[in-house]
PDB file of N, CA and C in Angstrom:
ATOM      1  N   MET A   1       0.843  -1.189   0.000  1.00  0.00           N
ATOM      2  CA  MET A   1       0.000   0.000   0.000  1.00  0.00           C
ATOM      3  C   MET A   1       0.880   1.241   0.000  1.00  0.00           C
ATOM      4  N   ASN A   2       0.532   2.163  -0.824  1.00  0.00           N
ATOM      5  CA  ASN A   2       1.309   3.394  -0.848  1.00  0.00           C
ATOM      6  C   ASN A   2       0.652   4.448   0.050  1.00  0.00           C
ATOM      7  N   ALA A   3       1.319   5.574   0.188  1.00  0.00           N
ATOM      8  CA  ALA A   3       0.872   6.616   1.115  1.00  0.00           C
ATOM      9  C   ALA A   3      -0.474   7.224   0.707  1.00  0.00           C
ATOM     10  N   ILE A   4      -0.745   7.314  -0.589  1.00  0.00           N
ATOM     11  CA  ILE A   4      -2.007   7.905  -1.040  1.00  0.00           C
ATOM     12  C   ILE A   4      -3.191   7.029  -0.638  1.00  0.00           C
ATOM     13  N   LYS A   5      -3.043   5.712  -0.777  1.00  0.00           N
ATOM     14  CA  LYS A   5      -4.131   4.806  -0.383  1.00  0.00           C
ATOM     15  C   LYS A   5      -4.372   4.857   1.129  1.00  0.00           C
ATOM     16  N   ILE A   6      -3.295   4.923   1.881  1.00  0.00           N
ATOM     17  CA  ILE A   6      -3.434   4.991   3.340  1.00  0.00           C
ATOM     18  C   ILE A   6      -4.118   6.293   3.746  1.00  0.00           C
ATOM     19  N   ALA A   7      -3.722   7.405   3.127  1.00  0.00           N
ATOM     20  CA  ALA A   7      -4.351   8.694   3.428  1.00  0.00           C
ATOM     21  C   ALA A   7      -5.827   8.675   3.054  1.00  0.00           C
ATOM     22  N   ALA A   8      -6.158   8.042   1.930  1.00  0.00           N
ATOM     23  CA  ALA A   8      -7.555   7.952   1.503  1.00  0.00           C
ATOM     24  C   ALA A   8      -8.382   7.143   2.495  1.00  0.00           C
ATOM     25  N   ILE A   9      -7.840   6.037   2.960  1.00  0.00           N
ATOM     26  CA  ILE A   9      -8.566   5.197   3.921  1.00  0.00           C
ATOM     27  C   ILE A   9      -8.736   5.922   5.250  1.00  0.00           C
ATOM     28  N   VAL A  10      -7.712   6.643   5.691  1.00  0.00           N
ATOM     29  CA  VAL A  10      -7.807   7.405   6.941  1.00  0.00           C
ATOM     30  C   VAL A  10      -8.859   8.512   6.817  1.00  0.00           C
ATOM     31  N   LEU A  11      -8.885   9.205   5.678  1.00  0.00           N
ATOM     32  CA  LEU A  11      -9.890  10.250   5.461  1.00  0.00           C
ATOM     33  C   LEU A  11     -11.303   9.677   5.486  1.00  0.00           C
ATOM     34  N   MET A  12     -11.490   8.558   4.806  1.00  0.00           N
ATOM     35  CA  MET A  12     -12.818   7.949   4.765  1.00  0.00           C
ATOM     36  C   MET A  12     -13.245   7.452   6.148  1.00  0.00           C
ATOM     37  N   ALA A  13     -12.323   6.846   6.884  1.00  0.00           N
ATOM     38  CA  ALA A  13     -12.651   6.358   8.223  1.00  0.00           C
ATOM     39  C   ALA A  13     -12.977   7.510   9.165  1.00  0.00           C
ATOM     40  N   SER A  14     -12.204   8.605   9.079  1.00  0.00           N
ATOM     41  CA  SER A  14     -12.492   9.742   9.956  1.00  0.00           C
ATOM     42  C   SER A  14     -13.815  10.402   9.580  1.00  0.00           C
ATOM     43  N   GLY A  15     -14.158  10.431   8.295  1.00  0.00           N
ATOM     44  CA  GLY A  15     -15.444  10.966   7.876  1.00  0.00           C
ATOM     45  C   GLY A  15     -16.606  10.137   8.394  1.00  0.00           C
ATOM     46  N   ILE A  16     -16.461   8.814   8.323  1.00  0.00           N
ATOM     47  CA  ILE A  16     -17.509   7.924   8.839  1.00  0.00           C
ATOM     48  C   ILE A  16     -17.661   8.089  10.346  1.00  0.00           C
ATOM     49  N   LEU A  17     -16.533   8.148  11.057  1.00  0.00           N
ATOM     50  CA  LEU A  17     -16.607   8.346  12.509  1.00  0.00           C
ATOM     51  C   LEU A  17     -17.222   9.694  12.859  1.00  0.00           C
ATOM     52  N   GLY A  18     -16.910  10.709  12.080  1.00  0.00           N
ATOM     53  CA  GLY A  18     -17.498  12.032  12.313  1.00  0.00           C
ATOM     54  C   GLY A  18     -19.003  12.025  12.130  1.00  0.00           C
ATOM     55  N   LEU A  19     -19.488  11.277  11.138  1.00  0.00           N
ATOM     56  CA  LEU A  19     -20.935  11.190  10.929  1.00  0.00           C
ATOM     57  C   LEU A  19     -21.617  10.363  12.003  1.00  0.00           C
ATOM     58  N   VAL A  20     -20.968   9.285  12.429  1.00  0.00           N
ATOM     59  CA  VAL A  20     -21.578   8.404  13.429  1.00  0.00           C
ATOM     60  C   VAL A  20     -21.653   9.077  14.794  1.00  0.00           C
ATOM     61  N   TYR A  21     -20.551   9.661  15.244  1.00  0.00           N
ATOM     62  CA  TYR A  21     -20.517  10.235  16.589  1.00  0.00           C
ATOM     63  C   TYR A  21     -20.980  11.691  16.635  1.00  0.00           C
ATOM     64  N   GLY A  22     -20.653  12.494  15.668  1.00  0.00           N
ATOM     65  CA  GLY A  22     -21.131  13.867  15.612  1.00  0.00           C
ATOM     66  C   GLY A  22     -20.385  14.855  16.483  1.00  0.00           C
ATOM     67  N   SER A  23     -19.757  14.390  17.542  1.00  0.00           N
ATOM     68  CA  SER A  23     -18.978  15.282  18.403  1.00  0.00           C
ATOM     69  C   SER A  23     -18.052  14.446  19.279  1.00  0.00           C
ATOM     70  N   PHE A  24     -17.068  15.112  19.859  1.00  0.00           N
ATOM     71  CA  PHE A  24     -16.221  14.456  20.845  1.00  0.00           C
ATOM     72  C   PHE A  24     -15.918  15.462  21.945  1.00  0.00           C
ATOM     73  N   SER A  25     -15.593  14.942  23.113  1.00  0.00           N
ATOM     74  CA  SER A  25     -15.318  15.826  24.240  1.00  0.00           C
ATOM     75  C   SER A  25     -13.972  15.462  24.856  1.00  0.00           C
ATOM     76  N   TYR A  26     -13.397  16.455  25.506  1.00  0.00           N
ATOM     77  CA  TYR A  26     -12.136  16.258  26.206  1.00  0.00           C
ATOM     78  C   TYR A  26     -12.137  17.104  27.464  1.00  0.00           C
ATOM     79  N   THR A  27     -11.269  16.761  28.392  1.00  0.00           N
ATOM     80  CA  THR A  27     -11.183  17.471  29.664  1.00  0.00           C
ATOM     81  C   THR A  27      -9.902  18.287  29.695  1.00  0.00           C
ATOM     82  N   LYS A  28     -10.049  19.551  30.038  1.00  0.00           N
ATOM     83  CA  LYS A  28      -8.912  20.461  30.132  1.00  0.00           C
ATOM     84  C   LYS A  28      -8.762  20.872  31.583  1.00  0.00           C
ATOM     85  N   GLU A  29      -7.577  20.659  32.130  1.00  0.00           N
ATOM     86  CA  GLU A  29      -7.329  21.023  33.525  1.00  0.00           C
ATOM     87  C   GLU A  29      -6.571  22.339  33.572  1.00  0.00           C
ATOM     88  N   THR A  30      -7.119  23.294  34.306  1.00  0.00           N
ATOM     89  CA  THR A  30      -6.474  24.594  34.428  1.00  0.00           C
ATOM     90  C   THR A  30      -6.204  24.894  35.899  1.00  0.00           C
ATOM     91  N   GLU A  31      -5.128  25.597  36.139  1.00  0.00           N
ATOM     92  CA  GLU A  31      -4.779  25.993  37.499  1.00  0.00           C
ATOM     93  C   GLU A  31      -5.399  27.360  37.769  1.00  0.00           C
ATOM     94  N   GLU A  32      -6.275  27.420  38.715  1.00  0.00           N
ATOM     95  CA  GLU A  32      -6.995  28.655  38.998  1.00  0.00           C
ATOM     96  C   GLU A  32      -6.299  29.505  40.060  1.00  0.00           C
ATOM     97  N   VAL A  33      -6.011  28.905  41.213  1.00  0.00           N
ATOM     98  CA  VAL A  33      -5.466  29.688  42.324  1.00  0.00           C
ATOM     99  C   VAL A  33      -4.281  28.943  42.925  1.00  0.00           C
ATOM    100  N   LYS A  34      -3.204  29.669  43.174  1.00  0.00           N
ATOM    101  CA  LYS A  34      -2.044  29.094  43.847  1.00  0.00           C
ATOM    102  C   LYS A  34      -1.717  29.994  45.028  1.00  0.00           C
ATOM    103  N   LEU A  35      -2.020  29.523  46.204  1.00  0.00           N
ATOM    104  CA  LEU A  35      -1.837  30.311  47.423  1.00  0.00           C
ATOM    105  C   LEU A  35      -0.916  29.533  48.353  1.00  0.00           C
ATOM    106  N   GLY A  36       0.376  29.828  48.283  1.00  0.00           N
ATOM    107  CA  GLY A  36       1.356  29.113  49.093  1.00  0.00           C
ATOM    108  C   GLY A  36       1.402  27.648  48.686  1.00  0.00           C
ATOM    109  N   PRO A  37       1.279  26.731  49.662  1.00  0.00           N
ATOM    110  CA  PRO A  37       1.326  25.302  49.336  1.00  0.00           C
ATOM    111  C   PRO A  37      -0.011  24.765  48.794  1.00  0.00           C
ATOM    112  N   ILE A  38      -1.027  25.587  48.808  1.00  0.00           N
ATOM    113  CA  ILE A  38      -2.356  25.141  48.372  1.00  0.00           C
ATOM    114  C   ILE A  38      -2.583  25.554  46.920  1.00  0.00           C
ATOM    115  N   GLU A  39      -2.932  24.584  46.103  1.00  0.00           N
ATOM    116  CA  GLU A  39      -3.252  24.851  44.705  1.00  0.00           C
ATOM    117  C   GLU A  39      -4.658  24.364  44.410  1.00  0.00           C
ATOM    118  N   LEU A  40      -5.431  25.210  43.790  1.00  0.00           N
ATOM    119  CA  LEU A  40      -6.776  24.833  43.371  1.00  0.00           C
ATOM    120  C   LEU A  40      -6.793  24.743  41.854  1.00  0.00           C
ATOM    121  N   SER A  41      -7.291  23.628  41.353  1.00  0.00           N
ATOM    122  CA  SER A  41      -7.369  23.474  39.903  1.00  0.00           C
ATOM    123  C   SER A  41      -8.798  23.113  39.513  1.00  0.00           C
ATOM    124  N   VAL A  42      -9.110  23.424  38.281  1.00  0.00           N
ATOM    125  CA  VAL A  42     -10.455  23.191  37.766  1.00  0.00           C
ATOM    126  C   VAL A  42     -10.346  22.302  36.529  1.00  0.00           C
ATOM    127  N   LYS A  43     -11.179  21.269  36.492  1.00  0.00           N
ATOM    128  CA  LYS A  43     -11.259  20.433  35.303  1.00  0.00           C
ATOM    129  C   LYS A  43     -12.474  20.889  34.503  1.00  0.00           C
ATOM    130  N   GLU A  44     -12.209  21.290  33.277  1.00  0.00           N
ATOM    131  CA  GLU A  44     -13.258  21.834  32.431  1.00  0.00           C
ATOM    132  C   GLU A  44     -13.491  20.881  31.258  1.00  0.00           C
ATOM    133  N   LYS A  45     -14.723  20.455  31.090  1.00  0.00           N
ATOM    134  CA  LYS A  45     -15.054  19.546  30.000  1.00  0.00           C
ATOM    135  C   LYS A  45     -15.497  20.354  28.784  1.00  0.00           C
ATOM    136  N   LYS A  46     -14.826  20.126  27.657  1.00  0.00           N
ATOM    137  CA  LYS A  46     -15.147  20.839  26.427  1.00  0.00           C
ATOM    138  C   LYS A  46     -15.654  19.846  25.394  1.00  0.00           C
ATOM    139  N   THR A  47     -16.602  20.288  24.569  1.00  0.00           N
ATOM    140  CA  THR A  47     -17.168  19.452  23.510  1.00  0.00           C
ATOM    141  C   THR A  47     -16.953  20.129  22.166  1.00  0.00           C
ATOM    142  N   VAL A  48     -16.495  19.345  21.199  1.00  0.00           N
ATOM    143  CA  VAL A  48     -16.271  19.838  19.843  1.00  0.00           C
ATOM    144  C   VAL A  48     -17.274  19.138  18.934  1.00  0.00           C
ATOM    145  N   ASN A  49     -18.123  19.919  18.274  1.00  0.00           N
ATOM    146  CA  ASN A  49     -19.101  19.366  17.344  1.00  0.00           C
ATOM    147  C   ASN A  49     -18.493  19.277  15.950  1.00  0.00           C
ATOM    148  N   ILE A  50     -18.746  18.167  15.280  1.00  0.00           N
ATOM    149  CA  ILE A  50     -18.246  17.963  13.924  1.00  0.00           C
ATOM    150  C   ILE A  50     -19.415  18.153  12.962  1.00  0.00           C
ATOM    151  N   PRO A  51     -19.334  19.129  12.059  1.00  0.00           N
ATOM    152  CA  PRO A  51     -20.435  19.365  11.133  1.00  0.00           C
ATOM    153  C   PRO A  51     -20.612  18.189  10.163  1.00  0.00           C
ATOM    154  N   ILE A  52     -21.841  18.003   9.722  1.00  0.00           N
ATOM    155  CA  ILE A  52     -22.142  16.912   8.799  1.00  0.00           C
ATOM    156  C   ILE A  52     -21.380  17.098   7.493  1.00  0.00           C
ATOM    157  N   TRP A  53     -21.284  18.344   7.015  1.00  0.00           N
ATOM    158  CA  TRP A  53     -20.593  18.576   5.753  1.00  0.00           C
ATOM    159  C   TRP A  53     -19.120  18.189   5.826  1.00  0.00           C
ATOM    160  N   ALA A  54     -18.514  18.291   7.001  1.00  0.00           N
ATOM    161  CA  ALA A  54     -17.110  17.921   7.145  1.00  0.00           C
ATOM    162  C   ALA A  54     -16.935  16.405   7.040  1.00  0.00           C
ATOM    163  N   GLY A  55     -17.855  15.657   7.636  1.00  0.00           N
ATOM    164  CA  GLY A  55     -17.794  14.201   7.538  1.00  0.00           C
ATOM    165  C   GLY A  55     -18.013  13.720   6.121  1.00  0.00           C
ATOM    166  N   VAL A  56     -19.012  14.275   5.461  1.00  0.00           N
ATOM    167  CA  VAL A  56     -19.287  13.898   4.074  1.00  0.00           C
ATOM    168  C   VAL A  56     -18.133  14.315   3.173  1.00  0.00           C
ATOM    169  N   GLY A  57     -17.591  15.493   3.390  1.00  0.00           N
ATOM    170  CA  GLY A  57     -16.456  15.969   2.596  1.00  0.00           C
ATOM    171  C   GLY A  57     -15.229  15.078   2.747  1.00  0.00           C
ATOM    172  N   ALA A  58     -14.978  14.610   3.963  1.00  0.00           N
ATOM    173  CA  ALA A  58     -13.837  13.717   4.190  1.00  0.00           C
ATOM    174  C   ALA A  58     -14.041  12.383   3.478  1.00  0.00           C
ATOM    175  N   ILE A  59     -15.274  11.871   3.481  1.00  0.00           N
ATOM    176  CA  ILE A  59     -15.557  10.615   2.788  1.00  0.00           C
ATOM    177  C   ILE A  59     -15.380  10.792   1.283  1.00  0.00           C
ATOM    178  N   VAL A  60     -15.898  11.880   0.744  1.00  0.00           N
ATOM    179  CA  VAL A  60     -15.775  12.134  -0.697  1.00  0.00           C
ATOM    180  C   VAL A  60     -14.315  12.337  -1.089  1.00  0.00           C
ATOM    181  N   ALA A  61     -13.581  13.118  -0.311  1.00  0.00           N
ATOM    182  CA  ALA A  61     -12.166  13.361  -0.618  1.00  0.00           C
ATOM    183  C   ALA A  61     -11.363  12.063  -0.547  1.00  0.00           C
ATOM    184  N   GLY A  62     -11.653  11.229   0.431  1.00  0.00           N
ATOM    185  CA  GLY A  62     -10.980   9.941   0.524  1.00  0.00           C
ATOM    186  C   GLY A  62     -11.307   9.048  -0.654  1.00  0.00           C
ATOM    187  N   GLY A  63     -12.560   9.053  -1.082  1.00  0.00           N
ATOM    188  CA  GLY A  63     -12.950   8.260  -2.246  1.00  0.00           C
ATOM    189  C   GLY A  63     -12.269   8.727  -3.517  1.00  0.00           C
ATOM    190  N   VAL A  64     -12.188  10.041  -3.689  1.00  0.00           N
ATOM    191  CA  VAL A  64     -11.515  10.592  -4.871  1.00  0.00           C
ATOM    192  C   VAL A  64     -10.035  10.227  -4.854  1.00  0.00           C
ATOM    193  N   LEU A  65      -9.398  10.333  -3.693  1.00  0.00           N
ATOM    194  CA  LEU A  65      -7.988   9.948  -3.594  1.00  0.00           C
ATOM    195  C   LEU A  65      -7.793   8.463  -3.872  1.00  0.00           C
ATOM    196  N   LEU A  66      -8.701   7.649  -3.391  1.00  0.00           N
ATOM    197  CA  LEU A  66      -8.585   6.213  -3.588  1.00  0.00           C
ATOM    198  C   LEU A  66      -8.743   5.842  -5.052  1.00  0.00           C
ATOM    199  N   VAL A  67      -9.675   6.476  -5.754  1.00  0.00           N
ATOM    200  CA  VAL A  67      -9.925   6.145  -7.139  1.00  0.00           C
ATOM    201  C   VAL A  67      -8.892   6.766  -8.077  1.00  0.00           C
ATOM    202  N   TYR A  68      -8.606   8.051  -7.895  1.00  0.00           N
ATOM    203  CA  TYR A  68      -7.726   8.766  -8.827  1.00  0.00           C
ATOM    204  C   TYR A  68      -6.308   8.948  -8.329  1.00  0.00           C
ATOM    205  N   GLY A  69      -5.989   8.477  -7.165  1.00  0.00           N
ATOM    206  CA  GLY A  69      -4.665   8.702  -6.593  1.00  0.00           C
ATOM    207  C   GLY A  69      -3.543   7.955  -7.281  1.00  0.00           C
ATOM    208  N   ASN A  70      -3.832   6.817  -7.864  1.00  0.00           N
ATOM    209  CA  ASN A  70      -2.770   6.014  -8.469  1.00  0.00           C
ATOM    210  C   ASN A  70      -2.603   6.258  -9.956  1.00  0.00           C
ATOM    211  N   ARG A  71      -3.450   7.046 -10.546  1.00  0.00           N
ATOM    212  CA  ARG A  71      -3.350   7.293 -11.985  1.00  0.00           C
ATOM    213  C   ARG A  71      -2.149   8.178 -12.288  1.00  0.00           C
ATOM    214  N   LYS A  72      -1.435   7.793 -13.310  1.00  0.00           N
ATOM    215  CA  LYS A  72      -0.275   8.596 -13.742  1.00  0.00           C
ATOM    216  C   LYS A  72      -0.607   9.253 -15.063  1.00  0.00           C
ATOM    217  N   SER A  73      -0.175  10.512 -15.237  1.00  0.00           N
ATOM    218  CA  SER A  73      -0.516  11.227 -16.456  1.00  0.00           C
ATOM    219  C   SER A  73       0.346  10.817 -17.627  1.00  0.00           C
TER     220      SER A  73
END
């Protein structure tokens, strides 16, 4: 397998996952207050929404790379 086929498969897989899940979340820890030996930190949960057009676009781009990526002019 060459790099173009691998990139195409990764794009298509990420597009499918984006359509299936629609969003992902992660936790960000920030240091709020540091008073001598006492430190207070806050864990903040953030969510990133993936638009439908981005998932479909990734699938289409991966398909185009898979079909036309190996053609030589």
